[in-house]
């Protein structure tokens, strides 16, 4: 099992963080989760984890 399997708690947490850390609105581009300019550091890191999970899924199980 890879650290970034789609079923791992790491990936599911990253997906949930991405759901919360989105721009507040079109008029207000700050993060709705933390108020930082979007994309905030949390969203950026979560996107990297999701990308790693997508890449790992392309390789299949060892």
Protein backbone atom coordinates (compact mmCIF):
# COMPACT_ATOMS: atom_id res chain seq x y z
CA UNK A 1 0.00 0.00 0.00
CA UNK A 2 1.29 3.43 -0.93
CA UNK A 3 1.16 6.39 1.44
CA UNK A 4 -0.93 8.20 -1.16
CA UNK A 5 -3.47 5.46 -1.93
CA UNK A 6 -6.86 6.97 -2.67
CA UNK A 7 -8.25 5.12 0.38
CA UNK A 8 -5.62 6.43 2.80
CA UNK A 9 -6.46 8.86 5.58
CA UNK A 10 -3.82 11.23 4.20
CA UNK A 11 -5.58 11.53 0.85
CA UNK A 12 -9.10 11.68 2.28
CA UNK A 13 -8.00 14.46 4.64
CA UNK A 14 -6.40 16.37 1.75
CA UNK A 15 -9.63 16.12 -0.24
CA UNK A 16 -11.62 17.44 2.71
CA UNK A 17 -9.16 20.32 3.18
CA UNK A 18 -9.53 21.20 -0.50
CA UNK A 19 -13.29 21.30 -0.08
CA UNK A 20 -12.97 23.82 2.77
CA UNK A 21 -10.03 25.90 1.52
CA UNK A 22 -11.56 27.41 -1.63
CA UNK A 23 -11.96 31.06 -2.59
CA UNK A 24 -14.83 32.62 -0.64
CA UNK A 25 -16.51 33.98 -3.78
CA UNK A 26 -15.78 35.45 -7.19
CA UNK A 27 -15.75 38.91 -5.64
CA UNK A 28 -13.61 37.82 -2.67
CA UNK A 29 -10.65 35.67 -3.80
CA UNK A 30 -9.44 35.04 -0.24
CA UNK A 31 -9.66 31.49 1.14
CA UNK A 32 -13.01 30.73 2.74
CA UNK A 33 -11.30 28.44 5.25
CA UNK A 34 -8.48 30.60 6.57
CA UNK A 35 -8.76 34.04 4.95
CA UNK A 36 -5.35 33.92 3.25
CA UNK A 37 -5.07 34.78 -0.45
CA UNK A 38 -6.27 31.82 -2.50
CA UNK A 39 -4.86 29.35 -3.14
CA UNK A 40 -3.64 29.27 0.45
CA UNK A 41 -0.76 27.09 1.64
CA UNK A 42 -3.19 24.48 2.98
CA UNK A 43 -4.95 24.17 -0.39
CA UNK A 44 -1.62 24.09 -2.25
CA UNK A 45 -0.30 21.25 -0.08
CA UNK A 46 -3.57 19.34 -0.34
CA UNK A 47 -3.47 19.66 -4.15
CA UNK A 48 0.06 18.22 -4.13
CA UNK A 49 -1.10 15.23 -2.08
CA UNK A 50 -4.06 14.65 -4.39
CA UNK A 51 -1.74 14.84 -7.40
CA UNK A 52 0.62 12.31 -5.79
CA UNK A 53 -2.34 9.99 -5.18
CA UNK A 54 -3.40 10.31 -8.81
CA UNK A 55 0.15 9.50 -9.92
CA UNK A 56 0.37 6.51 -7.57
CA UNK A 57 -2.96 5.22 -8.88
CA UNK A 58 -1.46 5.22 -12.38
CA UNK A 59 1.26 2.81 -11.25
CA UNK A 60 -1.07 0.33 -9.54
CA UNK A 61 -0.16 -1.89 -6.62
CA UNK A 62 3.49 -3.01 -6.24
